[in-house]
Every structure is written in structure tokens, then in C-alpha cells.
N, C-alpha and C. Protein backbone atom coordinates (compact mmCIF):
# COMPACT_ATOMS: atom_id res chain seq x y z
N MET A 1 -28.63 -34.20 17.32
CA MET A 1 -27.35 -34.14 16.60
C MET A 1 -26.27 -33.57 17.54
N ASP A 2 -25.17 -34.33 17.73
CA ASP A 2 -24.12 -33.83 18.58
C ASP A 2 -23.26 -32.82 17.84
N TRP A 3 -22.36 -32.16 18.58
CA TRP A 3 -21.59 -31.06 17.99
C TRP A 3 -20.62 -31.55 16.94
N LYS A 4 -20.08 -32.79 17.10
CA LYS A 4 -19.15 -33.31 16.09
C LYS A 4 -19.85 -33.53 14.76
N THR A 5 -21.06 -34.06 14.82
CA THR A 5 -21.83 -34.27 13.58
C THR A 5 -22.17 -32.94 12.93
N ALA A 6 -22.53 -31.94 13.76
CA ALA A 6 -22.86 -30.62 13.23
C ALA A 6 -21.65 -29.98 12.54
N VAL A 7 -20.49 -30.09 13.19
CA VAL A 7 -19.27 -29.52 12.61
C VAL A 7 -18.91 -30.21 11.31
N ASN A 8 -19.00 -31.54 11.29
CA ASN A 8 -18.68 -32.29 10.08
C ASN A 8 -19.63 -31.95 8.94
N SER A 9 -20.90 -31.76 9.28
CA SER A 9 -21.88 -31.39 8.25
C SER A 9 -21.58 -30.02 7.68
N PHE A 10 -21.24 -29.09 8.58
CA PHE A 10 -20.92 -27.73 8.13
C PHE A 10 -19.68 -27.74 7.23
N VAL A 11 -18.65 -28.46 7.64
CA VAL A 11 -17.42 -28.54 6.85
C VAL A 11 -17.69 -29.14 5.48
N GLU A 12 -18.53 -30.18 5.46
CA GLU A 12 -18.84 -30.82 4.18
C GLU A 12 -19.59 -29.89 3.25
N VAL A 13 -20.57 -29.17 3.79
CA VAL A 13 -21.33 -28.22 2.97
C VAL A 13 -20.44 -27.08 2.51
N PHE A 14 -19.62 -26.56 3.41
CA PHE A 14 -18.73 -25.45 3.09
C PHE A 14 -17.70 -25.85 2.02
N ALA A 15 -17.18 -27.07 2.14
CA ALA A 15 -16.16 -27.53 1.20
C ALA A 15 -16.73 -27.72 -0.19
N ASN A 16 -18.02 -28.02 -0.28
CA ASN A 16 -18.62 -28.29 -1.59
C ASN A 16 -19.26 -27.06 -2.23
N LEU A 17 -19.17 -25.91 -1.56
CA LEU A 17 -19.72 -24.69 -2.16
C LEU A 17 -18.89 -24.28 -3.37
N ASP A 18 -19.56 -23.89 -4.41
CA ASP A 18 -18.87 -23.46 -5.63
C ASP A 18 -18.72 -21.94 -5.58
N PHE A 19 -17.66 -21.47 -4.91
CA PHE A 19 -17.46 -20.03 -4.77
C PHE A 19 -17.15 -19.37 -6.10
N ARG A 20 -16.31 -20.03 -6.88
CA ARG A 20 -15.81 -19.37 -8.10
C ARG A 20 -16.92 -19.14 -9.12
N ASN A 21 -17.84 -20.07 -9.23
CA ASN A 21 -18.89 -19.94 -10.23
C ASN A 21 -20.24 -19.55 -9.64
N GLY A 22 -20.25 -19.19 -8.37
CA GLY A 22 -21.48 -18.78 -7.73
C GLY A 22 -21.49 -17.30 -7.41
N PRO A 23 -22.64 -16.74 -7.04
CA PRO A 23 -22.73 -15.29 -6.78
C PRO A 23 -21.94 -14.84 -5.55
N LEU A 24 -21.73 -15.74 -4.57
CA LEU A 24 -21.06 -15.34 -3.34
C LEU A 24 -19.65 -14.83 -3.61
N PHE A 25 -18.93 -15.49 -4.51
CA PHE A 25 -17.56 -15.08 -4.84
C PHE A 25 -17.53 -13.64 -5.33
N TYR A 26 -18.45 -13.30 -6.22
CA TYR A 26 -18.45 -11.96 -6.81
C TYR A 26 -18.97 -10.92 -5.82
N VAL A 27 -19.91 -11.29 -4.97
CA VAL A 27 -20.41 -10.35 -3.97
C VAL A 27 -19.30 -10.00 -2.98
N VAL A 28 -18.58 -11.02 -2.52
CA VAL A 28 -17.45 -10.77 -1.61
C VAL A 28 -16.39 -9.92 -2.32
N GLY A 29 -16.14 -10.22 -3.59
CA GLY A 29 -15.17 -9.44 -4.36
C GLY A 29 -15.58 -7.98 -4.49
N ILE A 30 -16.86 -7.74 -4.73
CA ILE A 30 -17.36 -6.36 -4.86
C ILE A 30 -17.18 -5.60 -3.55
N VAL A 31 -17.52 -6.25 -2.44
CA VAL A 31 -17.39 -5.60 -1.13
C VAL A 31 -15.92 -5.30 -0.82
N ALA A 32 -15.04 -6.28 -1.05
CA ALA A 32 -13.62 -6.09 -0.77
C ALA A 32 -13.00 -5.02 -1.66
N ALA A 33 -13.34 -5.06 -2.96
CA ALA A 33 -12.79 -4.07 -3.89
C ALA A 33 -13.33 -2.68 -3.58
N GLY A 34 -14.61 -2.60 -3.19
CA GLY A 34 -15.18 -1.30 -2.83
C GLY A 34 -14.51 -0.71 -1.60
N TYR A 35 -14.21 -1.57 -0.64
CA TYR A 35 -13.52 -1.10 0.56
C TYR A 35 -12.12 -0.62 0.22
N CYS A 36 -11.45 -1.34 -0.68
CA CYS A 36 -10.12 -0.93 -1.13
C CYS A 36 -10.18 0.42 -1.84
N CYS A 37 -11.22 0.61 -2.65
CA CYS A 37 -11.36 1.86 -3.39
C CYS A 37 -11.57 3.05 -2.46
N LEU A 38 -12.36 2.86 -1.41
CA LEU A 38 -12.72 3.96 -0.53
C LEU A 38 -11.80 4.11 0.69
N GLU A 39 -11.14 3.03 1.08
CA GLU A 39 -10.31 3.06 2.29
C GLU A 39 -8.95 2.42 2.06
N GLY A 40 -8.47 2.44 0.82
CA GLY A 40 -7.24 1.75 0.48
C GLY A 40 -6.04 2.24 1.26
N TYR A 41 -5.96 3.53 1.49
CA TYR A 41 -4.80 4.07 2.20
C TYR A 41 -4.79 3.62 3.66
N ARG A 42 -5.95 3.56 4.27
CA ARG A 42 -6.02 3.07 5.65
C ARG A 42 -5.68 1.58 5.72
N ILE A 43 -6.11 0.82 4.71
CA ILE A 43 -5.77 -0.59 4.66
C ILE A 43 -4.25 -0.75 4.59
N TYR A 44 -3.64 0.07 3.75
CA TYR A 44 -2.19 0.04 3.59
C TYR A 44 -1.48 0.32 4.93
N LYS A 45 -1.93 1.35 5.66
CA LYS A 45 -1.31 1.68 6.94
C LYS A 45 -1.58 0.59 7.97
N MET A 46 -2.78 -0.02 7.90
CA MET A 46 -3.09 -1.10 8.83
C MET A 46 -2.17 -2.29 8.59
N LEU A 47 -1.95 -2.64 7.31
CA LEU A 47 -1.07 -3.75 6.99
C LEU A 47 0.37 -3.46 7.43
N LEU A 48 0.80 -2.20 7.25
CA LEU A 48 2.13 -1.83 7.74
C LEU A 48 2.22 -2.02 9.24
N GLY A 49 1.17 -1.62 9.96
CA GLY A 49 1.16 -1.79 11.41
C GLY A 49 1.20 -3.24 11.83
N VAL A 50 0.44 -4.08 11.13
CA VAL A 50 0.42 -5.52 11.45
C VAL A 50 1.79 -6.13 11.21
N MET A 51 2.40 -5.79 10.07
CA MET A 51 3.74 -6.32 9.77
C MET A 51 4.77 -5.79 10.77
N GLY A 52 4.62 -4.52 11.17
CA GLY A 52 5.52 -3.96 12.17
C GLY A 52 5.38 -4.67 13.50
N PHE A 53 4.14 -4.97 13.89
CA PHE A 53 3.92 -5.68 15.16
C PHE A 53 4.52 -7.08 15.11
N ALA A 54 4.31 -7.78 13.98
CA ALA A 54 4.86 -9.13 13.84
C ALA A 54 6.39 -9.12 13.90
N LEU A 55 6.98 -8.13 13.22
CA LEU A 55 8.44 -8.02 13.24
C LEU A 55 8.94 -7.68 14.64
N GLY A 56 8.29 -6.73 15.31
CA GLY A 56 8.69 -6.35 16.66
C GLY A 56 8.53 -7.51 17.65
N PHE A 57 7.46 -8.29 17.48
CA PHE A 57 7.24 -9.45 18.34
C PHE A 57 8.37 -10.45 18.18
N ARG A 58 8.78 -10.66 16.92
CA ARG A 58 9.87 -11.59 16.65
C ARG A 58 11.20 -11.08 17.20
N VAL A 59 11.45 -9.78 17.01
CA VAL A 59 12.67 -9.18 17.55
C VAL A 59 12.70 -9.28 19.07
N GLY A 60 11.55 -9.05 19.70
CA GLY A 60 11.46 -9.17 21.15
C GLY A 60 11.77 -10.57 21.63
N PHE A 61 11.29 -11.56 20.89
CA PHE A 61 11.57 -12.96 21.27
C PHE A 61 13.06 -13.26 21.17
N LEU A 62 13.67 -12.84 20.05
CA LEU A 62 15.09 -13.11 19.86
C LEU A 62 15.95 -12.35 20.87
N LEU A 63 15.58 -11.09 21.11
CA LEU A 63 16.39 -10.25 21.99
C LEU A 63 16.25 -10.66 23.45
N PHE A 64 15.02 -10.67 23.94
CA PHE A 64 14.82 -10.92 25.37
C PHE A 64 14.89 -12.40 25.71
N GLY A 65 14.61 -13.25 24.70
CA GLY A 65 14.79 -14.68 24.94
C GLY A 65 16.25 -15.03 25.15
N SER A 66 17.13 -14.36 24.40
CA SER A 66 18.57 -14.60 24.57
C SER A 66 19.09 -14.04 25.89
N LEU A 67 18.34 -13.11 26.49
CA LEU A 67 18.76 -12.55 27.78
C LEU A 67 18.24 -13.35 28.97
N GLY A 68 17.51 -14.42 28.69
CA GLY A 68 17.07 -15.30 29.76
C GLY A 68 15.64 -15.08 30.21
N PHE A 69 14.89 -14.16 29.60
CA PHE A 69 13.50 -13.95 29.98
C PHE A 69 12.66 -15.13 29.49
N SER A 70 11.58 -15.43 30.21
CA SER A 70 10.72 -16.55 29.82
C SER A 70 9.30 -16.31 30.32
N ASN A 71 8.42 -17.17 29.85
CA ASN A 71 7.01 -17.17 30.27
C ASN A 71 6.35 -15.81 30.10
N GLU A 72 5.64 -15.34 31.16
CA GLU A 72 4.86 -14.12 31.05
C GLU A 72 5.72 -12.89 30.80
N VAL A 73 6.89 -12.85 31.41
CA VAL A 73 7.78 -11.68 31.23
C VAL A 73 8.23 -11.59 29.77
N LEU A 74 8.60 -12.73 29.18
CA LEU A 74 9.03 -12.74 27.78
C LEU A 74 7.87 -12.32 26.87
N LEU A 75 6.67 -12.84 27.15
CA LEU A 75 5.51 -12.48 26.34
C LEU A 75 5.23 -10.99 26.42
N MET A 76 5.36 -10.43 27.64
CA MET A 76 5.13 -9.00 27.82
C MET A 76 6.14 -8.18 27.04
N MET A 77 7.41 -8.56 27.05
CA MET A 77 8.44 -7.83 26.33
C MET A 77 8.27 -7.97 24.82
N GLU A 78 7.87 -9.16 24.37
CA GLU A 78 7.59 -9.36 22.94
C GLU A 78 6.46 -8.45 22.48
N THR A 79 5.40 -8.40 23.27
CA THR A 79 4.26 -7.55 22.93
C THR A 79 4.66 -6.08 22.93
N PHE A 80 5.49 -5.69 23.90
CA PHE A 80 5.95 -4.31 24.00
C PHE A 80 6.74 -3.92 22.75
N MET A 81 7.67 -4.77 22.32
CA MET A 81 8.45 -4.50 21.11
C MET A 81 7.55 -4.47 19.88
N GLY A 82 6.57 -5.37 19.85
CA GLY A 82 5.63 -5.39 18.73
C GLY A 82 4.83 -4.11 18.62
N LEU A 83 4.36 -3.61 19.76
CA LEU A 83 3.58 -2.37 19.76
C LEU A 83 4.43 -1.17 19.33
N ILE A 84 5.69 -1.15 19.76
CA ILE A 84 6.58 -0.04 19.37
C ILE A 84 6.75 -0.01 17.85
N LEU A 85 7.09 -1.15 17.26
CA LEU A 85 7.28 -1.18 15.81
C LEU A 85 5.97 -0.99 15.06
N CYS A 86 4.84 -1.40 15.67
CA CYS A 86 3.54 -1.16 15.05
C CYS A 86 3.27 0.33 14.93
N VAL A 87 3.63 1.08 15.98
CA VAL A 87 3.38 2.52 15.99
C VAL A 87 4.30 3.27 15.02
N VAL A 88 5.57 2.87 14.98
CA VAL A 88 6.54 3.62 14.19
C VAL A 88 6.76 3.03 12.80
N SER A 89 6.04 1.95 12.45
CA SER A 89 6.29 1.28 11.17
C SER A 89 6.08 2.22 9.99
N TYR A 90 5.06 3.07 10.06
CA TYR A 90 4.79 3.98 8.94
C TYR A 90 5.91 4.99 8.78
N ARG A 91 6.41 5.52 9.91
CA ARG A 91 7.51 6.47 9.85
C ARG A 91 8.79 5.80 9.34
N ILE A 92 9.00 4.57 9.76
CA ILE A 92 10.17 3.84 9.27
C ILE A 92 10.07 3.65 7.76
N PHE A 93 8.87 3.35 7.30
CA PHE A 93 8.66 3.16 5.86
C PHE A 93 8.96 4.44 5.09
N LEU A 94 8.49 5.58 5.61
CA LEU A 94 8.75 6.86 4.94
C LEU A 94 10.24 7.18 4.94
N ALA A 95 10.90 6.86 6.05
CA ALA A 95 12.34 7.09 6.11
C ALA A 95 13.05 6.24 5.07
N GLY A 96 12.59 5.00 4.89
CA GLY A 96 13.18 4.13 3.88
C GLY A 96 13.02 4.68 2.48
N ILE A 97 11.84 5.24 2.18
CA ILE A 97 11.61 5.86 0.88
C ILE A 97 12.56 7.03 0.68
N PHE A 98 12.67 7.88 1.70
CA PHE A 98 13.53 9.06 1.61
C PHE A 98 14.99 8.65 1.35
N ILE A 99 15.48 7.68 2.12
CA ILE A 99 16.87 7.26 1.97
C ILE A 99 17.12 6.64 0.60
N ALA A 100 16.19 5.78 0.15
CA ALA A 100 16.37 5.12 -1.15
C ALA A 100 16.39 6.12 -2.30
N VAL A 101 15.44 7.05 -2.28
CA VAL A 101 15.38 8.05 -3.35
C VAL A 101 16.58 8.98 -3.30
N PHE A 102 16.95 9.41 -2.10
CA PHE A 102 18.10 10.30 -1.97
C PHE A 102 19.38 9.63 -2.47
N GLN A 103 19.56 8.37 -2.11
CA GLN A 103 20.77 7.67 -2.53
C GLN A 103 20.80 7.50 -4.05
N PHE A 104 19.67 7.13 -4.62
CA PHE A 104 19.62 6.95 -6.08
C PHE A 104 19.87 8.27 -6.80
N ALA A 105 19.20 9.33 -6.35
CA ALA A 105 19.34 10.63 -7.01
C ALA A 105 20.75 11.20 -6.85
N SER A 106 21.29 11.13 -5.64
CA SER A 106 22.63 11.69 -5.41
C SER A 106 23.72 10.93 -6.16
N SER A 107 23.46 9.66 -6.49
CA SER A 107 24.45 8.87 -7.23
C SER A 107 24.41 9.13 -8.72
N ASN A 108 23.24 9.54 -9.23
CA ASN A 108 23.08 9.68 -10.68
C ASN A 108 23.03 11.14 -11.17
N LEU A 109 22.73 12.07 -10.27
CA LEU A 109 22.60 13.46 -10.70
C LEU A 109 23.92 14.15 -11.06
N PRO A 110 25.03 13.87 -10.38
CA PRO A 110 26.25 14.64 -10.66
C PRO A 110 26.66 14.68 -12.14
N VAL A 111 26.51 13.60 -12.86
CA VAL A 111 26.88 13.58 -14.28
C VAL A 111 26.06 14.60 -15.06
N TYR A 112 24.76 14.64 -14.79
CA TYR A 112 23.88 15.55 -15.53
C TYR A 112 24.08 17.00 -15.07
N VAL A 113 24.30 17.19 -13.77
CA VAL A 113 24.56 18.54 -13.26
C VAL A 113 25.84 19.11 -13.87
N GLU A 114 26.86 18.30 -13.92
CA GLU A 114 28.13 18.75 -14.49
C GLU A 114 27.98 19.10 -15.98
N ALA A 115 27.27 18.27 -16.71
CA ALA A 115 27.05 18.54 -18.14
C ALA A 115 26.23 19.80 -18.33
N PHE A 116 25.25 20.01 -17.48
CA PHE A 116 24.40 21.20 -17.57
C PHE A 116 25.21 22.46 -17.28
N LEU A 117 26.03 22.44 -16.22
CA LEU A 117 26.83 23.61 -15.87
C LEU A 117 27.94 23.86 -16.89
N HIS A 118 28.51 22.81 -17.43
CA HIS A 118 29.62 22.94 -18.37
C HIS A 118 29.21 23.73 -19.62
N ASP A 119 27.99 23.58 -20.06
CA ASP A 119 27.53 24.26 -21.27
C ASP A 119 26.98 25.66 -20.99
N ARG A 120 26.74 25.99 -19.73
CA ARG A 120 26.04 27.24 -19.44
C ARG A 120 26.82 28.19 -18.52
N VAL A 121 27.89 27.75 -17.92
CA VAL A 121 28.63 28.58 -16.96
C VAL A 121 30.00 28.93 -17.55
N LYS A 122 30.34 30.22 -17.46
CA LYS A 122 31.62 30.66 -18.02
C LYS A 122 32.81 30.26 -17.16
N TYR A 123 32.61 30.33 -15.84
CA TYR A 123 33.73 30.16 -14.92
C TYR A 123 33.92 28.68 -14.59
N SER A 124 35.09 28.17 -14.90
CA SER A 124 35.35 26.74 -14.74
C SER A 124 35.33 26.30 -13.27
N PHE A 125 35.64 27.23 -12.35
CA PHE A 125 35.68 26.83 -10.94
C PHE A 125 34.28 26.45 -10.43
N LEU A 126 33.22 26.87 -11.15
CA LEU A 126 31.87 26.51 -10.76
C LEU A 126 31.48 25.11 -11.23
N VAL A 127 32.35 24.48 -12.01
CA VAL A 127 32.06 23.15 -12.52
C VAL A 127 32.95 22.10 -11.82
N THR A 128 33.56 22.49 -10.73
CA THR A 128 34.42 21.56 -9.99
C THR A 128 33.58 20.49 -9.30
N GLY A 129 34.25 19.43 -8.87
CA GLY A 129 33.54 18.32 -8.24
C GLY A 129 32.80 18.71 -6.99
N VAL A 130 33.38 19.62 -6.19
CA VAL A 130 32.73 20.02 -4.94
C VAL A 130 31.42 20.73 -5.21
N VAL A 131 31.45 21.68 -6.15
CA VAL A 131 30.24 22.44 -6.47
C VAL A 131 29.17 21.52 -7.04
N VAL A 132 29.56 20.65 -7.95
CA VAL A 132 28.62 19.70 -8.55
C VAL A 132 28.02 18.79 -7.48
N THR A 133 28.84 18.34 -6.56
CA THR A 133 28.37 17.47 -5.50
C THR A 133 27.36 18.19 -4.60
N ILE A 134 27.64 19.43 -4.26
CA ILE A 134 26.73 20.21 -3.41
C ILE A 134 25.39 20.41 -4.10
N ILE A 135 25.45 20.84 -5.37
CA ILE A 135 24.20 21.06 -6.12
C ILE A 135 23.42 19.76 -6.26
N SER A 136 24.13 18.67 -6.56
CA SER A 136 23.47 17.37 -6.70
C SER A 136 22.83 16.94 -5.38
N GLY A 137 23.53 17.20 -4.27
CA GLY A 137 22.99 16.85 -2.96
C GLY A 137 21.72 17.62 -2.63
N ILE A 138 21.70 18.91 -2.97
CA ILE A 138 20.50 19.73 -2.73
C ILE A 138 19.34 19.23 -3.57
N LEU A 139 19.62 18.94 -4.84
CA LEU A 139 18.56 18.44 -5.73
C LEU A 139 18.06 17.07 -5.26
N ALA A 140 18.99 16.20 -4.84
CA ALA A 140 18.60 14.87 -4.37
C ALA A 140 17.73 14.97 -3.12
N PHE A 141 18.09 15.87 -2.20
CA PHE A 141 17.29 16.06 -0.99
C PHE A 141 15.89 16.55 -1.34
N THR A 142 15.81 17.49 -2.29
CA THR A 142 14.51 18.03 -2.69
C THR A 142 13.64 16.94 -3.31
N ILE A 143 14.24 16.13 -4.18
CA ILE A 143 13.49 15.06 -4.83
C ILE A 143 13.04 14.02 -3.81
N ALA A 144 13.92 13.67 -2.87
CA ALA A 144 13.57 12.68 -1.85
C ALA A 144 12.44 13.18 -0.95
N LYS A 145 12.53 14.46 -0.57
CA LYS A 145 11.48 15.04 0.27
C LYS A 145 10.15 15.07 -0.47
N LEU A 146 10.20 15.41 -1.76
CA LEU A 146 8.98 15.44 -2.56
C LEU A 146 8.38 14.04 -2.70
N SER A 147 9.25 13.03 -2.85
CA SER A 147 8.76 11.66 -3.00
C SER A 147 8.04 11.21 -1.73
N VAL A 148 8.51 11.65 -0.56
CA VAL A 148 7.85 11.29 0.69
C VAL A 148 6.49 11.99 0.80
N SER A 149 6.47 13.28 0.47
CA SER A 149 5.22 14.03 0.56
C SER A 149 4.19 13.54 -0.45
N MET A 150 4.65 12.88 -1.53
CA MET A 150 3.74 12.38 -2.55
C MET A 150 3.33 10.93 -2.32
N THR A 151 3.86 10.30 -1.26
CA THR A 151 3.56 8.90 -1.00
C THR A 151 2.08 8.66 -0.84
N ARG A 152 1.44 9.50 -0.03
CA ARG A 152 0.00 9.34 0.20
C ARG A 152 -0.76 9.50 -1.10
N THR A 153 -0.43 10.51 -1.90
CA THR A 153 -1.13 10.77 -3.15
C THR A 153 -1.05 9.57 -4.08
N VAL A 154 0.16 9.02 -4.22
CA VAL A 154 0.35 7.87 -5.10
C VAL A 154 -0.46 6.67 -4.62
N LEU A 155 -0.40 6.39 -3.31
CA LEU A 155 -1.10 5.22 -2.77
C LEU A 155 -2.62 5.39 -2.83
N VAL A 156 -3.10 6.58 -2.57
CA VAL A 156 -4.54 6.84 -2.66
C VAL A 156 -5.03 6.62 -4.09
N CYS A 157 -4.33 7.20 -5.05
CA CYS A 157 -4.73 7.05 -6.46
C CYS A 157 -4.66 5.59 -6.89
N LEU A 158 -3.59 4.90 -6.48
CA LEU A 158 -3.42 3.51 -6.88
C LEU A 158 -4.52 2.62 -6.31
N THR A 159 -4.79 2.73 -5.01
CA THR A 159 -5.81 1.87 -4.39
C THR A 159 -7.21 2.23 -4.89
N ALA A 160 -7.46 3.52 -5.14
CA ALA A 160 -8.77 3.92 -5.65
C ALA A 160 -9.01 3.36 -7.05
N VAL A 161 -8.01 3.43 -7.91
CA VAL A 161 -8.16 2.93 -9.28
C VAL A 161 -8.29 1.41 -9.29
N VAL A 162 -7.41 0.73 -8.55
CA VAL A 162 -7.48 -0.74 -8.50
C VAL A 162 -8.82 -1.20 -7.94
N GLY A 163 -9.25 -0.59 -6.84
CA GLY A 163 -10.52 -0.96 -6.23
C GLY A 163 -11.71 -0.63 -7.12
N GLY A 164 -11.72 0.57 -7.72
CA GLY A 164 -12.82 0.96 -8.59
C GLY A 164 -12.98 0.07 -9.79
N PHE A 165 -11.87 -0.25 -10.45
CA PHE A 165 -11.93 -1.13 -11.62
C PHE A 165 -12.34 -2.55 -11.21
N ALA A 166 -11.84 -3.01 -10.04
CA ALA A 166 -12.18 -4.36 -9.59
C ALA A 166 -13.66 -4.49 -9.25
N VAL A 167 -14.24 -3.45 -8.67
CA VAL A 167 -15.68 -3.48 -8.35
C VAL A 167 -16.49 -3.75 -9.60
N VAL A 168 -16.20 -3.01 -10.66
CA VAL A 168 -16.96 -3.17 -11.91
C VAL A 168 -16.69 -4.54 -12.53
N ASN A 169 -15.45 -5.00 -12.50
CA ASN A 169 -15.13 -6.31 -13.05
C ASN A 169 -15.88 -7.42 -12.32
N PHE A 170 -15.93 -7.34 -11.00
CA PHE A 170 -16.68 -8.34 -10.23
C PHE A 170 -18.18 -8.23 -10.52
N LEU A 171 -18.67 -7.00 -10.69
CA LEU A 171 -20.09 -6.81 -10.99
C LEU A 171 -20.45 -7.42 -12.34
N VAL A 172 -19.60 -7.21 -13.34
CA VAL A 172 -19.82 -7.80 -14.66
C VAL A 172 -19.78 -9.33 -14.57
N GLY A 173 -18.88 -9.87 -13.75
CA GLY A 173 -18.81 -11.31 -13.58
C GLY A 173 -19.99 -11.87 -12.81
N LEU A 174 -20.63 -11.05 -11.97
CA LEU A 174 -21.77 -11.50 -11.17
C LEU A 174 -23.03 -11.67 -12.02
N ILE A 175 -23.17 -10.87 -13.06
CA ILE A 175 -24.41 -10.85 -13.84
C ILE A 175 -24.79 -12.24 -14.38
N PRO A 176 -23.88 -13.00 -15.02
CA PRO A 176 -24.29 -14.29 -15.57
C PRO A 176 -24.70 -15.31 -14.52
N VAL A 177 -24.19 -15.21 -13.28
CA VAL A 177 -24.51 -16.20 -12.25
C VAL A 177 -25.50 -15.68 -11.23
N PHE A 178 -26.02 -14.47 -11.45
CA PHE A 178 -26.99 -13.90 -10.51
C PHE A 178 -28.28 -14.71 -10.58
N PRO A 179 -28.86 -15.07 -9.41
CA PRO A 179 -30.03 -15.97 -9.42
C PRO A 179 -31.30 -15.35 -10.01
N TYR A 180 -31.32 -14.06 -10.27
CA TYR A 180 -32.50 -13.41 -10.85
C TYR A 180 -32.17 -12.80 -12.20
N GLU A 181 -33.19 -12.67 -13.02
CA GLU A 181 -33.00 -12.12 -14.37
C GLU A 181 -32.72 -10.62 -14.26
N VAL A 182 -31.57 -10.20 -14.75
CA VAL A 182 -31.19 -8.80 -14.72
C VAL A 182 -30.69 -8.40 -16.11
N THR A 183 -31.22 -7.30 -16.62
CA THR A 183 -30.81 -6.81 -17.94
C THR A 183 -29.89 -5.62 -17.75
N LEU A 184 -28.63 -5.81 -18.10
CA LEU A 184 -27.63 -4.76 -17.98
C LEU A 184 -26.81 -4.70 -19.27
N PRO A 185 -26.08 -3.62 -19.49
CA PRO A 185 -25.29 -3.49 -20.72
C PRO A 185 -24.27 -4.63 -20.87
N GLU A 186 -23.85 -4.88 -22.10
CA GLU A 186 -22.85 -5.89 -22.39
C GLU A 186 -21.52 -5.53 -21.71
N PRO A 187 -20.70 -6.55 -21.39
CA PRO A 187 -19.40 -6.26 -20.75
C PRO A 187 -18.51 -5.33 -21.57
N SER A 188 -18.69 -5.31 -22.90
CA SER A 188 -17.87 -4.44 -23.75
C SER A 188 -18.40 -3.03 -23.85
N SER A 189 -19.53 -2.75 -23.20
CA SER A 189 -20.13 -1.43 -23.30
C SER A 189 -19.25 -0.37 -22.63
N PRO A 190 -19.15 0.82 -23.25
CA PRO A 190 -18.35 1.90 -22.64
C PRO A 190 -18.94 2.39 -21.31
N ILE A 191 -20.17 2.04 -21.03
CA ILE A 191 -20.79 2.43 -19.77
C ILE A 191 -19.97 1.90 -18.59
N TRP A 192 -19.47 0.67 -18.72
CA TRP A 192 -18.69 0.08 -17.64
C TRP A 192 -17.37 0.83 -17.43
N LEU A 193 -16.78 1.27 -18.54
CA LEU A 193 -15.54 2.04 -18.42
C LEU A 193 -15.79 3.36 -17.70
N PHE A 194 -16.88 4.04 -18.06
CA PHE A 194 -17.23 5.29 -17.37
C PHE A 194 -17.49 5.05 -15.89
N LEU A 195 -18.12 3.90 -15.59
CA LEU A 195 -18.40 3.57 -14.19
C LEU A 195 -17.10 3.31 -13.43
N LYS A 196 -16.14 2.64 -14.07
CA LYS A 196 -14.84 2.40 -13.44
C LYS A 196 -14.15 3.72 -13.13
N ILE A 197 -14.15 4.62 -14.12
CA ILE A 197 -13.50 5.91 -13.93
C ILE A 197 -14.21 6.71 -12.83
N GLY A 198 -15.53 6.65 -12.83
CA GLY A 198 -16.30 7.38 -11.81
C GLY A 198 -16.04 6.87 -10.42
N LEU A 199 -16.01 5.54 -10.25
CA LEU A 199 -15.72 4.97 -8.94
C LEU A 199 -14.30 5.30 -8.48
N SER A 200 -13.36 5.24 -9.42
CA SER A 200 -11.97 5.56 -9.08
C SER A 200 -11.86 7.01 -8.61
N ALA A 201 -12.51 7.92 -9.35
CA ALA A 201 -12.48 9.33 -8.97
C ALA A 201 -13.14 9.55 -7.61
N ALA A 202 -14.25 8.83 -7.37
CA ALA A 202 -14.92 8.95 -6.07
C ALA A 202 -14.02 8.45 -4.95
N GLY A 203 -13.30 7.35 -5.21
CA GLY A 203 -12.38 6.82 -4.20
C GLY A 203 -11.27 7.79 -3.88
N VAL A 204 -10.72 8.42 -4.91
CA VAL A 204 -9.67 9.42 -4.69
C VAL A 204 -10.21 10.58 -3.86
N GLY A 205 -11.41 11.05 -4.19
CA GLY A 205 -12.00 12.17 -3.46
C GLY A 205 -12.30 11.83 -2.01
N ILE A 206 -12.82 10.62 -1.77
CA ILE A 206 -13.18 10.22 -0.41
C ILE A 206 -11.94 10.00 0.45
N GLN A 207 -10.90 9.38 -0.15
CA GLN A 207 -9.67 9.15 0.62
C GLN A 207 -8.89 10.44 0.85
N ASP A 208 -9.08 11.45 -0.02
CA ASP A 208 -8.48 12.77 0.16
C ASP A 208 -6.96 12.74 0.04
N VAL A 209 -6.46 13.05 -1.15
CA VAL A 209 -5.02 13.02 -1.40
C VAL A 209 -4.30 14.21 -0.79
N LYS A 210 -5.02 15.21 -0.31
CA LYS A 210 -4.39 16.43 0.18
C LYS A 210 -3.82 16.31 1.57
N ASP A 211 -4.16 15.27 2.28
CA ASP A 211 -3.68 15.10 3.65
C ASP A 211 -2.25 14.56 3.61
N SER A 212 -1.27 15.43 3.65
CA SER A 212 0.13 15.01 3.53
C SER A 212 0.62 14.38 4.81
N PRO A 213 1.36 13.24 4.71
CA PRO A 213 1.86 12.57 5.91
C PRO A 213 3.03 13.27 6.55
N GLY A 214 3.69 14.17 5.84
CA GLY A 214 4.84 14.86 6.40
C GLY A 214 6.11 14.06 6.25
N LEU A 215 7.21 14.69 6.60
CA LEU A 215 8.52 14.07 6.47
C LEU A 215 9.01 13.61 7.83
N VAL A 216 9.58 12.40 7.87
CA VAL A 216 10.08 11.88 9.14
C VAL A 216 11.36 12.61 9.50
């Protein structure tokens, strides 16, 4: 059998596999969901790095290509820009969160700060626009800084819960198509819910929400 015949045979067999209704689909789903549950935060940072590299590579092409670079030199500069953005992509993302939250908070807090001070402060000069703006700015900065420090916690909890619940869902879906007779609780059994919660809690513990990324 030559290599073309072998490749065509493999493609034909692969194309006719019933992934959705077979055990392979659910086994792959369990593995992927389990990895998300236990390493979701690292997956998130890896994806940020990949997107940063792709963006930097594109920026390098546009920038250095317009300057007349070509061939190996252009490729080297594209890769260099990609690596830079890959390294700093996470910090850029945190800076974006900080700026977005600070802008939102500083735009909306003054009304509430002024109303709060107006009812509780005797001296009218303390309710002036300058004072309200300063207090609102301090509060907005505090909220923005807290949102950055809580980014890891939120992402760890989110990926652990999504992954933990998905593992059990794929496991329940695997039972009817499993090639061997297996007796397990019904899909509506509360045992599965407890298992979802347990896996989610384990994912949170393993990923460790206490490791703060810090402020850029």
C-alpha cells in the first residue's frame, strides 16, 4: 500500500467516525474540562500570550514592512515584536481592567458622593465640586485597584466551576454510550451535583486563588 492510499484510507475512516454519539467525544470532553478545572488560570494566561504574540507579529509586519524590511530581517523583527507583546500581554490586560473600572467608577460616583455628603456634613464648602471630585477619584482608584487584585480570584473560580461542572456533564453523557455495562446513579441524582461542587472546590484549591498578580 502506497502512502497516498494509506492517507486516503485514514481520512475516510476518520471522517466517518461518530464522535458525537461515541465514547471518544465524551472522553476528550472529560479530559479537556478537567484540565480547565485544574489549570484554567494558566490556560487563560497562555491564550493571552498567544493572542499577544499574534498581535505583535502583525504589528511588526505592518511597522517594519512599511520601513522597507523584507525576508529574514522582516521575519526576525515580526517575531521580536510578537515576543514582546506575548510577554507583556497579561500586564496590558490588567492595565485595561484598571483603566476601564477607574473610568466607570469616577464617572458615576460623584453623584452618590455628593448626595451622601449633603445629608451628613454641616459645612457646605465640603460638598463643593472639587471636594466631591477628589473623594470620588480616591474611591474610584481603590475600586479599580481592588478589581485588578481580584482578577485572578474571579478567573480561578470561574474556570474551576465551569470545568468541574463540565466534567460531570460529559461523564453523565458517556454512560449511555460506554461500551461496557456500568451501573451508576441516574442523571437527576443529587450525587452528581455534589460531585460537581466537589470538583469545582478542588479546582479552586489546586489553582490557588491567593496568589495575587499585583497591580501594573
